[in-house]
Amino acid sequence: MRFRQLAASIALSGIASAGAAQTAMTVAKDPSCGCCTAWSEIMQSAGYAVTIENTSYDALDDLKASRGVPDRMAGCHTATIEGYTIEGHVPAADIDRLLAKRPDAIGLAVPGMPMGSPGMGPETSRDAYDVILIGADGGTEVFASYPAR
């Protein structure tokens, strides 16, 4: 009996510490945007503690500008996580890699809304797209590429 109680206690403490280790992410989006909601749910499933801030498109444009996102890198929602900006439908694996590497950067962007990117329909069939690293100086480079399928 004591073994079961100890095992249950250990299991519960593991769950609590895993929950406490979640990285907080804030997603600013238009309240009527379904793909932004879908992306946020994917991020939640990937282990991020997501907070959604519903806002207008004008306020989103202001947020993007204040975070240093060039107009050509804009997506339909803007997230912030540990000082970085995540613009558009960036896959969770790329955010994980960004947070592990910690480059001197503004963040990551998937410009536009490519079909098959996270939150934009089934990933089994997708348009080719790149995840772009936006450097602290505003310069950009390809961080990851996803081929069409």
Protein backbone atom coordinates (compact mmCIF):
# COMPACT_ATOMS: atom_id res chain seq x y z
CA MET A 1 0.00 0.00 0.00
CA ARG A 2 2.78 2.45 0.85
CA PHE A 3 4.46 1.70 -2.48
CA ARG A 4 1.29 2.69 -4.37
CA GLN A 5 1.00 5.92 -2.42
CA LEU A 6 4.66 6.71 -3.06
CA ALA A 7 4.30 5.89 -6.77
CA ALA A 8 1.20 8.08 -7.03
CA SER A 9 2.97 10.91 -5.24
CA ILE A 10 5.96 10.67 -7.58
CA ALA A 11 3.68 10.57 -10.63
CA LEU A 12 1.76 13.63 -9.47
CA SER A 13 4.93 15.58 -8.72
CA GLY A 14 6.19 14.75 -12.23
CA ILE A 15 2.97 16.07 -13.71
CA ALA A 16 3.17 19.24 -11.64
CA SER A 17 6.78 19.92 -12.60
CA ALA A 18 6.05 19.25 -16.29
CA GLY A 19 3.19 21.77 -16.14
CA ALA A 20 5.35 24.30 -14.34
CA ALA A 21 8.03 23.91 -17.04
CA GLN A 22 5.69 25.00 -19.84
CA THR A 23 6.93 28.06 -21.67
CA ALA A 24 4.46 30.94 -21.76
CA MET A 25 3.40 32.20 -25.17
CA THR A 26 1.03 35.11 -25.85
CA VAL A 27 -0.81 35.10 -29.18
CA ALA A 28 -2.36 38.33 -30.48
CA LYS A 29 -5.02 37.66 -33.11
CA ASP A 30 -8.30 38.85 -34.57
CA PRO A 31 -11.16 37.21 -32.61
CA SER A 32 -12.79 35.85 -35.77
CA CYS A 33 -9.69 34.23 -37.27
CA GLY A 34 -10.11 30.45 -37.24
CA CYS A 35 -6.61 29.62 -38.52
CA CYS A 36 -5.04 31.67 -35.70
CA THR A 37 -7.12 29.73 -33.19
CA ALA A 38 -6.07 26.44 -34.82
CA TRP A 39 -2.37 27.45 -34.67
CA SER A 40 -2.76 28.43 -31.00
CA GLU A 41 -4.28 25.02 -30.23
CA ILE A 42 -1.37 23.30 -32.00
CA MET A 43 1.07 25.31 -29.87
CA GLN A 44 -0.86 24.33 -26.73
CA SER A 45 -0.65 20.66 -27.80
CA ALA A 46 3.10 21.10 -28.34
CA GLY A 47 3.44 22.03 -24.67
CA TYR A 48 3.35 25.82 -24.70
CA ALA A 49 1.21 27.66 -22.15
CA VAL A 50 -0.78 29.80 -24.60
CA THR A 51 -2.62 32.98 -23.69
CA ILE A 52 -4.73 34.51 -26.44
CA GLU A 53 -5.26 38.26 -26.74
CA ASN A 54 -8.05 39.04 -29.19
CA THR A 55 -7.48 42.37 -30.90
CA SER A 56 -8.20 44.30 -34.09
CA TYR A 57 -6.16 44.08 -37.27
CA ASP A 58 -5.06 47.70 -36.77
CA ALA A 59 -3.74 46.87 -33.30
CA LEU A 60 -2.00 43.78 -34.75
CA ASP A 61 -0.27 45.97 -37.34
CA ASP A 62 0.90 48.28 -34.55
CA LEU A 63 2.18 45.30 -32.53
CA LYS A 64 4.08 43.90 -35.52
CA ALA A 65 5.71 47.29 -36.13
CA SER A 66 6.61 47.76 -32.46
CA ARG A 67 8.22 44.28 -32.39
CA GLY A 68 10.32 45.05 -35.51
CA VAL A 69 8.53 42.71 -37.94
CA PRO A 70 9.09 43.95 -41.51
CA ASP A 71 5.87 44.29 -43.54
CA ARG A 72 7.06 41.62 -46.00
CA MET A 73 7.29 39.12 -43.11
CA ALA A 74 3.76 39.66 -41.81
CA GLY A 75 1.40 36.79 -41.06
CA CYS A 76 -2.09 36.83 -39.67
CA HIS A 77 -1.20 36.59 -35.96
CA THR A 78 1.73 37.61 -33.77
CA ALA A 79 3.01 35.64 -30.79
CA THR A 80 5.61 36.54 -28.20
CA ILE A 81 7.67 34.00 -26.30
CA GLU A 82 10.74 34.59 -24.11
CA GLY A 83 11.51 37.91 -25.80
CA TYR A 84 11.08 36.59 -29.35
CA THR A 85 8.32 37.39 -31.84
CA ILE A 86 6.70 34.53 -33.75
CA GLU A 87 4.89 35.82 -36.83
CA GLY A 88 2.34 33.63 -38.58
CA HIS A 89 2.10 29.86 -38.92
CA VAL A 90 5.54 28.82 -37.62
CA PRO A 91 5.84 25.10 -36.71
CA ALA A 92 6.44 24.27 -33.04
CA ALA A 93 9.69 22.41 -33.85
CA ASP A 94 11.17 25.62 -35.24
CA ILE A 95 10.15 27.57 -32.15
CA ASP A 96 11.77 24.85 -30.01
CA ARG A 97 14.99 25.19 -32.03
CA LEU A 98 14.90 29.01 -31.76
CA LEU A 99 14.57 28.80 -27.98
CA ALA A 100 17.36 26.22 -27.76
CA LYS A 101 19.80 28.21 -29.95
CA ARG A 102 18.86 31.69 -28.64
CA PRO A 103 20.17 33.70 -31.62
CA ASP A 104 20.37 37.49 -31.52
CA ALA A 105 17.11 37.95 -33.37
CA ILE A 106 13.67 39.47 -33.37
CA GLY A 107 12.15 36.06 -34.02
CA LEU A 108 10.67 33.79 -36.68
CA ALA A 109 8.13 34.39 -39.42
CA VAL A 110 6.11 32.46 -41.95
CA PRO A 111 4.91 35.27 -44.22
CA GLY A 112 1.39 35.01 -45.56
CA MET A 113 -0.73 31.96 -44.89
CA PRO A 114 0.72 28.95 -46.77
CA MET A 115 -1.66 26.01 -47.10
CA GLY A 116 -0.57 23.04 -45.01
CA SER A 117 1.45 25.08 -42.52
CA PRO A 118 0.34 24.54 -38.89
CA GLY A 119 -3.22 25.79 -38.53
CA MET A 120 -3.75 26.11 -42.29
CA GLY A 121 -5.28 22.76 -43.09
CA PRO A 122 -3.89 19.28 -43.19
CA GLU A 123 -0.10 19.09 -43.30
CA THR A 124 -0.34 15.95 -45.44
CA SER A 125 -0.82 18.24 -48.45
CA ARG A 126 0.96 21.59 -48.33
CA ASP A 127 2.46 24.42 -50.32
CA ALA A 128 6.22 24.84 -50.07
CA TYR A 129 7.16 27.51 -47.54
CA ASP A 130 10.11 28.85 -45.56
CA VAL A 131 10.41 29.82 -41.93
CA ILE A 132 12.40 33.05 -41.82
CA LEU A 133 14.70 34.19 -39.02
CA ILE A 134 14.42 37.96 -38.55
CA GLY A 135 17.76 39.16 -37.18
CA ALA A 136 18.11 41.84 -34.56
CA ASP A 137 19.28 44.16 -37.35
CA GLY A 138 16.11 43.47 -39.37
CA GLY A 139 17.94 41.26 -41.86
CA THR A 140 16.36 37.94 -42.79
CA GLU A 141 17.55 34.43 -43.58
CA VAL A 142 15.91 31.06 -44.10
CA PHE A 143 15.72 29.17 -40.79
CA ALA A 144 13.85 26.10 -42.13
CA SER A 145 12.25 25.03 -45.40
CA TYR A 146 9.21 22.85 -45.93
CA PRO A 147 8.74 21.35 -49.40
CA ALA A 148 5.39 20.99 -51.12
CA ARG A 149 3.69 17.64 -50.80
